[in-house]
């Protein structure tokens, strides 16, 4: 596995292998065009690596550099209307921890939120508190069942302070299914943010 965190990847030549053209064993060549976009996933997020490779809408596989290192996992869940056939991948650096757990037969803990950072502008102009901002909760997830909802700002996971979404990702990645914990959030109501706590039993990500 390679390092996809470098900002210098733009312009790098890559090979899409697996099924980039919709046929197993196909391959395609091109360049990385962008690494700045993000996609929110359940309990995490991932940088998107876009290329100039024209493939299938049902493409799958990976992109590798010319040293044979995997840089991204091809996804068909993200595509702009005007670039529906352009190969886009999840950056491999954001996936390594999940891959390692799967390779070791370990289950991944599941709270069930989609989230992002609270920007400095939001803190200054909108008085949103520092933490991991919940944009959505997964249906029937431990988060939804406990009462956590979109608009909440997670400020503490158990005894761990949460200052941004990376803090949240780190603590959920170290947790185990069936762990019992307390999630502290700040929720906007009646013109101000009020602290609330929720008892949660983590599930297993399927």
C-alpha atoms as a PDB file:
ATOM      1  CA  UNK A   1       0.000   0.000   0.000  1.00  0.00           C
ATOM      2  CA  UNK A   2       1.291   3.428  -0.925  1.00  0.00           C
ATOM      3  CA  UNK A   3       0.949   6.873   0.627  1.00  0.00           C
ATOM      4  CA  UNK A   4      -1.963   8.844  -0.774  1.00  0.00           C
ATOM      5  CA  UNK A   5      -1.696  11.713   1.711  1.00  0.00           C
ATOM      6  CA  UNK A   6       0.833  13.699  -0.312  1.00  0.00           C
ATOM      7  CA  UNK A   7      -0.400  16.901  -1.939  1.00  0.00           C
ATOM      8  CA  UNK A   8       2.141  16.281  -4.697  1.00  0.00           C
ATOM      9  CA  UNK A   9       0.135  13.395  -6.168  1.00  0.00           C
ATOM     10  CA  UNK A  10      -1.675  15.673  -8.623  1.00  0.00           C
ATOM     11  CA  UNK A  11      -0.242  15.040 -12.072  1.00  0.00           C
ATOM     12  CA  UNK A  12       1.190  11.646 -11.116  1.00  0.00           C
ATOM     13  CA  UNK A  13       0.685   8.818 -13.633  1.00  0.00           C
ATOM     14  CA  UNK A  14      -1.418   5.888 -12.405  1.00  0.00           C
ATOM     15  CA  UNK A  15      -2.824   2.615 -13.674  1.00  0.00           C
ATOM     16  CA  UNK A  16      -6.382   1.503 -12.893  1.00  0.00           C
ATOM     17  CA  UNK A  17      -6.571  -2.274 -12.569  1.00  0.00           C
ATOM     18  CA  UNK A  18      -9.228  -4.785 -11.583  1.00  0.00           C
ATOM     19  CA  UNK A  19     -12.375  -3.866 -13.469  1.00  0.00           C
ATOM     20  CA  UNK A  20     -12.066  -0.167 -14.365  1.00  0.00           C
ATOM     21  CA  UNK A  21     -13.687  -0.713 -17.753  1.00  0.00           C
ATOM     22  CA  UNK A  22     -16.444  -2.925 -16.388  1.00  0.00           C
ATOM     23  CA  UNK A  23     -14.632  -6.126 -17.390  1.00  0.00           C
ATOM     24  CA  UNK A  24     -12.508  -8.183 -15.001  1.00  0.00           C
ATOM     25  CA  UNK A  25      -8.838  -7.959 -15.857  1.00  0.00           C
ATOM     26  CA  UNK A  26      -9.135  -4.673 -17.728  1.00  0.00           C
ATOM     27  CA  UNK A  27      -6.722  -1.813 -17.121  1.00  0.00           C
ATOM     28  CA  UNK A  28      -6.497   1.862 -17.986  1.00  0.00           C
ATOM     29  CA  UNK A  29      -3.862   4.557 -17.760  1.00  0.00           C
ATOM     30  CA  UNK A  30      -4.030   8.222 -16.820  1.00  0.00           C
ATOM     31  CA  UNK A  31      -3.100  10.965 -14.369  1.00  0.00           C
ATOM     32  CA  UNK A  32      -4.312  12.039 -10.931  1.00  0.00           C
ATOM     33  CA  UNK A  33      -6.203  15.317 -11.280  1.00  0.00           C
ATOM     34  CA  UNK A  34      -7.368  16.116  -7.726  1.00  0.00           C
ATOM     35  CA  UNK A  35      -6.955  14.993  -4.106  1.00  0.00           C
ATOM     36  CA  UNK A  36      -8.799  17.755  -2.249  1.00  0.00           C
ATOM     37  CA  UNK A  37     -12.393  16.513  -2.143  1.00  0.00           C
ATOM     38  CA  UNK A  38     -13.801  14.576   0.804  1.00  0.00           C
ATOM     39  CA  UNK A  39     -16.688  12.168   1.173  1.00  0.00           C
ATOM     40  CA  UNK A  40     -18.419  11.499   4.468  1.00  0.00           C
ATOM     41  CA  UNK A  41     -18.700   7.809   5.292  1.00  0.00           C
ATOM     42  CA  UNK A  42     -20.151   6.039   8.330  1.00  0.00           C
ATOM     43  CA  UNK A  43     -18.027   7.005  11.365  1.00  0.00           C
ATOM     44  CA  UNK A  44     -15.226   8.289   9.138  1.00  0.00           C
ATOM     45  CA  UNK A  45     -14.486  10.260   6.014  1.00  0.00           C
ATOM     46  CA  UNK A  46     -12.124   9.790   3.106  1.00  0.00           C
ATOM     47  CA  UNK A  47     -10.280  11.928   0.629  1.00  0.00           C
ATOM     48  CA  UNK A  48     -11.289  11.337  -2.957  1.00  0.00           C
ATOM     49  CA  UNK A  49      -8.643  10.934  -5.618  1.00  0.00           C
ATOM     50  CA  UNK A  50      -9.932  11.806  -9.058  1.00  0.00           C
ATOM     51  CA  UNK A  51      -8.225  10.900 -12.308  1.00  0.00           C
ATOM     52  CA  UNK A  52      -8.623  11.670 -15.992  1.00  0.00           C
ATOM     53  CA  UNK A  53      -9.249   7.974 -16.728  1.00  0.00           C
ATOM     54  CA  UNK A  54     -12.499   7.319 -18.555  1.00  0.00           C
ATOM     55  CA  UNK A  55     -13.960   4.051 -17.290  1.00  0.00           C
ATOM     56  CA  UNK A  56     -17.220   2.259 -16.582  1.00  0.00           C
ATOM     57  CA  UNK A  57     -19.966   3.573 -14.287  1.00  0.00           C
ATOM     58  CA  UNK A  58     -19.707   0.197 -12.537  1.00  0.00           C
ATOM     59  CA  UNK A  59     -15.910   0.281 -12.305  1.00  0.00           C
ATOM     60  CA  UNK A  60     -14.151  -1.481  -9.436  1.00  0.00           C
ATOM     61  CA  UNK A  61     -10.578  -2.248  -8.449  1.00  0.00           C
ATOM     62  CA  UNK A  62      -7.683  -0.007  -7.469  1.00  0.00           C
ATOM     63  CA  UNK A  63      -5.312   2.562  -8.891  1.00  0.00           C
ATOM     64  CA  UNK A  64      -1.590   1.978  -8.518  1.00  0.00           C
ATOM     65  CA  UNK A  65       1.463   4.097  -9.196  1.00  0.00           C
ATOM     66  CA  UNK A  66       4.254   2.990 -11.500  1.00  0.00           C
ATOM     67  CA  UNK A  67       6.027   1.390  -8.523  1.00  0.00           C
ATOM     68  CA  UNK A  68       3.081  -0.950  -8.028  1.00  0.00           C
ATOM     69  CA  UNK A  69       1.835   0.721  -4.831  1.00  0.00           C
ATOM     70  CA  UNK A  70      -1.925   0.980  -4.304  1.00  0.00           C
ATOM     71  CA  UNK A  71      -3.011   4.618  -3.983  1.00  0.00           C
ATOM     72  CA  UNK A  72      -6.805   4.319  -4.049  1.00  0.00           C
ATOM     73  CA  UNK A  73      -9.830   2.023  -4.031  1.00  0.00           C
ATOM     74  CA  UNK A  74     -12.137   2.687  -6.978  1.00  0.00           C
ATOM     75  CA  UNK A  75     -15.647   3.780  -5.981  1.00  0.00           C
ATOM     76  CA  UNK A  76     -18.739   4.282  -8.102  1.00  0.00           C
ATOM     77  CA  UNK A  77     -20.646   5.973  -5.277  1.00  0.00           C
ATOM     78  CA  UNK A  78     -19.247   9.401  -6.056  1.00  0.00           C
ATOM     79  CA  UNK A  79     -19.378  11.039  -9.449  1.00  0.00           C
ATOM     80  CA  UNK A  80     -20.418  14.424 -10.723  1.00  0.00           C
ATOM     81  CA  UNK A  81     -23.126  14.489 -13.376  1.00  0.00           C
ATOM     82  CA  UNK A  82     -20.727  15.757 -16.011  1.00  0.00           C
ATOM     83  CA  UNK A  83     -17.969  13.257 -15.133  1.00  0.00           C
ATOM     84  CA  UNK A  84     -19.964  10.108 -14.429  1.00  0.00           C
ATOM     85  CA  UNK A  85     -17.432   7.821 -16.121  1.00  0.00           C
ATOM     86  CA  UNK A  86     -14.286   9.347 -14.647  1.00  0.00           C
ATOM     87  CA  UNK A  87     -12.433   6.938 -12.321  1.00  0.00           C
ATOM     88  CA  UNK A  88     -12.585   8.192  -8.717  1.00  0.00           C
ATOM     89  CA  UNK A  89     -11.109   6.430  -5.704  1.00  0.00           C
ATOM     90  CA  UNK A  90     -11.005   6.550  -1.922  1.00  0.00           C
ATOM     91  CA  UNK A  91      -7.468   7.493  -0.839  1.00  0.00           C
ATOM     92  CA  UNK A  92      -5.725   4.401   0.487  1.00  0.00           C
ATOM     93  CA  UNK A  93      -4.150   6.257   3.444  1.00  0.00           C
ATOM     94  CA  UNK A  94      -7.657   6.817   4.839  1.00  0.00           C
ATOM     95  CA  UNK A  95      -8.508   3.125   4.428  1.00  0.00           C
ATOM     96  CA  UNK A  96      -5.381   1.481   5.896  1.00  0.00           C
ATOM     97  CA  UNK A  97      -6.704   1.091   9.427  1.00  0.00           C
ATOM     98  CA  UNK A  98      -9.925  -0.532   8.215  1.00  0.00           C
ATOM     99  CA  UNK A  99      -7.997  -2.820   5.856  1.00  0.00           C
ATOM    100  CA  UNK A 100      -5.676  -3.834   8.705  1.00  0.00           C
ATOM    101  CA  UNK A 101      -8.613  -4.741  10.944  1.00  0.00           C
ATOM    102  CA  UNK A 102     -10.284  -6.757   8.203  1.00  0.00           C
ATOM    103  CA  UNK A 103      -7.009  -8.539   7.401  1.00  0.00           C
ATOM    104  CA  UNK A 104      -6.633  -9.501  11.065  1.00  0.00           C
ATOM    105  CA  UNK A 105     -10.229 -10.710  11.306  1.00  0.00           C
ATOM    106  CA  UNK A 106     -11.196  -7.900  13.690  1.00  0.00           C
ATOM    107  CA  UNK A 107     -14.629  -6.287  13.717  1.00  0.00           C
ATOM    108  CA  UNK A 108     -14.968  -2.516  13.404  1.00  0.00           C
ATOM    109  CA  UNK A 109     -16.947  -0.637  16.053  1.00  0.00           C
ATOM    110  CA  UNK A 110     -20.042   1.193  14.837  1.00  0.00           C
ATOM    111  CA  UNK A 111     -21.738   4.270  16.273  1.00  0.00           C
ATOM    112  CA  UNK A 112     -23.395   5.319  13.043  1.00  0.00           C
ATOM    113  CA  UNK A 113     -22.783   8.995  12.365  1.00  0.00           C
ATOM    114  CA  UNK A 114     -21.663  11.036   9.393  1.00  0.00           C
ATOM    115  CA  UNK A 115     -19.699  14.088  10.394  1.00  0.00           C
ATOM    116  CA  UNK A 116     -17.172  16.811   9.746  1.00  0.00           C
ATOM    117  CA  UNK A 117     -15.011  19.385  11.506  1.00  0.00           C
ATOM    118  CA  UNK A 118     -16.411  22.598  12.932  1.00  0.00           C
ATOM    119  CA  UNK A 119     -14.535  25.265  11.004  1.00  0.00           C
ATOM    120  CA  UNK A 120     -12.971  28.257  12.710  1.00  0.00           C
ATOM    121  CA  UNK A 121     -15.394  30.479  10.776  1.00  0.00           C
ATOM    122  CA  UNK A 122     -18.378  28.514  12.124  1.00  0.00           C
ATOM    123  CA  UNK A 123     -17.030  28.800  15.673  1.00  0.00           C
ATOM    124  CA  UNK A 124     -16.444  32.545  15.317  1.00  0.00           C
ATOM    125  CA  UNK A 125     -19.458  33.633  13.294  1.00  0.00           C
ATOM    126  CA  UNK A 126     -22.105  31.092  14.369  1.00  0.00           C
ATOM    127  CA  UNK A 127     -20.808  30.275  17.871  1.00  0.00           C
ATOM    128  CA  UNK A 128     -20.823  26.552  17.089  1.00  0.00           C
ATOM    129  CA  UNK A 129     -18.714  24.798  19.727  1.00  0.00           C
ATOM    130  CA  UNK A 130     -15.498  22.942  18.953  1.00  0.00           C
ATOM    131  CA  UNK A 131     -15.916  19.227  18.240  1.00  0.00           C
ATOM    132  CA  UNK A 132     -17.108  16.732  15.643  1.00  0.00           C
ATOM    133  CA  UNK A 133     -20.228  18.065  13.919  1.00  0.00           C
ATOM    134  CA  UNK A 134     -22.870  15.410  13.183  1.00  0.00           C
ATOM    135  CA  UNK A 135     -24.369  15.928   9.730  1.00  0.00           C
ATOM    136  CA  UNK A 136     -26.482  12.749   9.740  1.00  0.00           C
ATOM    137  CA  UNK A 137     -27.133   9.613  11.780  1.00  0.00           C
ATOM    138  CA  UNK A 138     -27.473   6.192  10.199  1.00  0.00           C
ATOM    139  CA  UNK A 139     -30.980   4.723  10.441  1.00  0.00           C
ATOM    140  CA  UNK A 140     -31.384   2.331  13.404  1.00  0.00           C
ATOM    141  CA  UNK A 141     -27.754   2.883  14.405  1.00  0.00           C
ATOM    142  CA  UNK A 142     -26.578   2.971  18.037  1.00  0.00           C
ATOM    143  CA  UNK A 143     -26.280   6.756  17.660  1.00  0.00           C
ATOM    144  CA  UNK A 144     -29.865   7.193  16.466  1.00  0.00           C
ATOM    145  CA  UNK A 145     -31.220   4.751  19.042  1.00  0.00           C
ATOM    146  CA  UNK A 146     -29.436   6.642  21.820  1.00  0.00           C
ATOM    147  CA  UNK A 147     -30.874   9.981  20.693  1.00  0.00           C
ATOM    148  CA  UNK A 148     -27.914  11.592  18.925  1.00  0.00           C
ATOM    149  CA  UNK A 149     -29.102  13.631  15.947  1.00  0.00           C
ATOM    150  CA  UNK A 150     -27.886  15.812  13.093  1.00  0.00           C
ATOM    151  CA  UNK A 151     -26.674  19.200  14.281  1.00  0.00           C
ATOM    152  CA  UNK A 152     -25.203  17.805  17.487  1.00  0.00           C
ATOM    153  CA  UNK A 153     -21.532  18.520  18.164  1.00  0.00           C
ATOM    154  CA  UNK A 154     -19.683  15.628  19.813  1.00  0.00           C
ATOM    155  CA  UNK A 155     -17.284  17.049  22.382  1.00  0.00           C
ATOM    156  CA  UNK A 156     -16.361  13.937  24.332  1.00  0.00           C
ATOM    157  CA  UNK A 157     -16.273  10.192  23.607  1.00  0.00           C
ATOM    158  CA  UNK A 158     -16.089   8.438  26.952  1.00  0.00           C
ATOM    159  CA  UNK A 159     -13.343  10.364  28.752  1.00  0.00           C
ATOM    160  CA  UNK A 160     -11.620  11.481  25.536  1.00  0.00           C
ATOM    161  CA  UNK A 161     -12.006  15.113  24.496  1.00  0.00           C
ATOM    162  CA  UNK A 162     -13.111  15.522  20.877  1.00  0.00           C
ATOM    163  CA  UNK A 163     -11.855  18.712  19.223  1.00  0.00           C
ATOM    164  CA  UNK A 164     -12.408  17.758  15.577  1.00  0.00           C
ATOM    165  CA  UNK A 165     -13.593  14.871  13.431  1.00  0.00           C
ATOM    166  CA  UNK A 166     -10.111  13.344  13.291  1.00  0.00           C
ATOM    167  CA  UNK A 167     -10.263  12.970  17.094  1.00  0.00           C
ATOM    168  CA  UNK A 168     -13.582  11.176  16.700  1.00  0.00           C
ATOM    169  CA  UNK A 169     -12.224   8.869  13.985  1.00  0.00           C
ATOM    170  CA  UNK A 170      -9.232   7.963  16.145  1.00  0.00           C
ATOM    171  CA  UNK A 171     -11.264   7.013  19.204  1.00  0.00           C
ATOM    172  CA  UNK A 172     -13.931   5.049  17.287  1.00  0.00           C
ATOM    173  CA  UNK A 173     -11.175   3.146  15.461  1.00  0.00           C
ATOM    174  CA  UNK A 174      -9.706   2.051  18.801  1.00  0.00           C
ATOM    175  CA  UNK A 175     -13.093   0.977  20.174  1.00  0.00           C
ATOM    176  CA  UNK A 176     -14.609  -2.490  19.968  1.00  0.00           C
ATOM    177  CA  UNK A 177     -18.147  -3.664  19.194  1.00  0.00           C
ATOM    178  CA  UNK A 178     -20.259  -3.994  22.351  1.00  0.00           C
ATOM    179  CA  UNK A 179     -18.188  -1.373  24.179  1.00  0.00           C
ATOM    180  CA  UNK A 180     -20.383   0.722  26.471  1.00  0.00           C
ATOM    181  CA  UNK A 181     -19.545   4.407  26.583  1.00  0.00           C
ATOM    182  CA  UNK A 182     -20.964   7.867  27.173  1.00  0.00           C
ATOM    183  CA  UNK A 183     -21.112  10.330  24.281  1.00  0.00           C
ATOM    184  CA  UNK A 184     -21.170  13.999  25.284  1.00  0.00           C
ATOM    185  CA  UNK A 185     -22.634  16.448  22.776  1.00  0.00           C
ATOM    186  CA  UNK A 186     -23.658  20.063  22.611  1.00  0.00           C
ATOM    187  CA  UNK A 187     -27.074  20.641  21.044  1.00  0.00           C
ATOM    188  CA  UNK A 188     -28.557  23.906  19.851  1.00  0.00           C
ATOM    189  CA  UNK A 189     -31.893  24.728  21.434  1.00  0.00           C
ATOM    190  CA  UNK A 190     -33.617  27.967  22.377  1.00  0.00           C
ATOM    191  CA  UNK A 191     -30.801  30.114  21.057  1.00  0.00           C
ATOM    192  CA  UNK A 192     -27.885  28.388  22.760  1.00  0.00           C
ATOM    193  CA  UNK A 193     -25.872  25.160  22.895  1.00  0.00           C
ATOM    194  CA  UNK A 194     -26.604  22.902  25.839  1.00  0.00           C
ATOM    195  CA  UNK A 195     -24.495  19.943  26.920  1.00  0.00           C
ATOM    196  CA  UNK A 196     -26.162  16.527  26.830  1.00  0.00           C
ATOM    197  CA  UNK A 197     -24.891  13.006  27.449  1.00  0.00           C
ATOM    198  CA  UNK A 198     -25.993   9.706  25.917  1.00  0.00           C
ATOM    199  CA  UNK A 199     -25.275   6.159  27.072  1.00  0.00           C
ATOM    200  CA  UNK A 200     -24.330   4.117  24.018  1.00  0.00           C
ATOM    201  CA  UNK A 201     -23.484   0.496  23.314  1.00  0.00           C
ATOM    202  CA  UNK A 202     -21.419   0.362  20.136  1.00  0.00           C
ATOM    203  CA  UNK A 203     -22.459  -2.000  17.385  1.00  0.00           C
ATOM    204  CA  UNK A 204     -20.491  -3.864  14.723  1.00  0.00           C
ATOM    205  CA  UNK A 205     -20.009  -2.274  11.313  1.00  0.00           C
ATOM    206  CA  UNK A 206     -21.324  -4.601   8.625  1.00  0.00           C
END
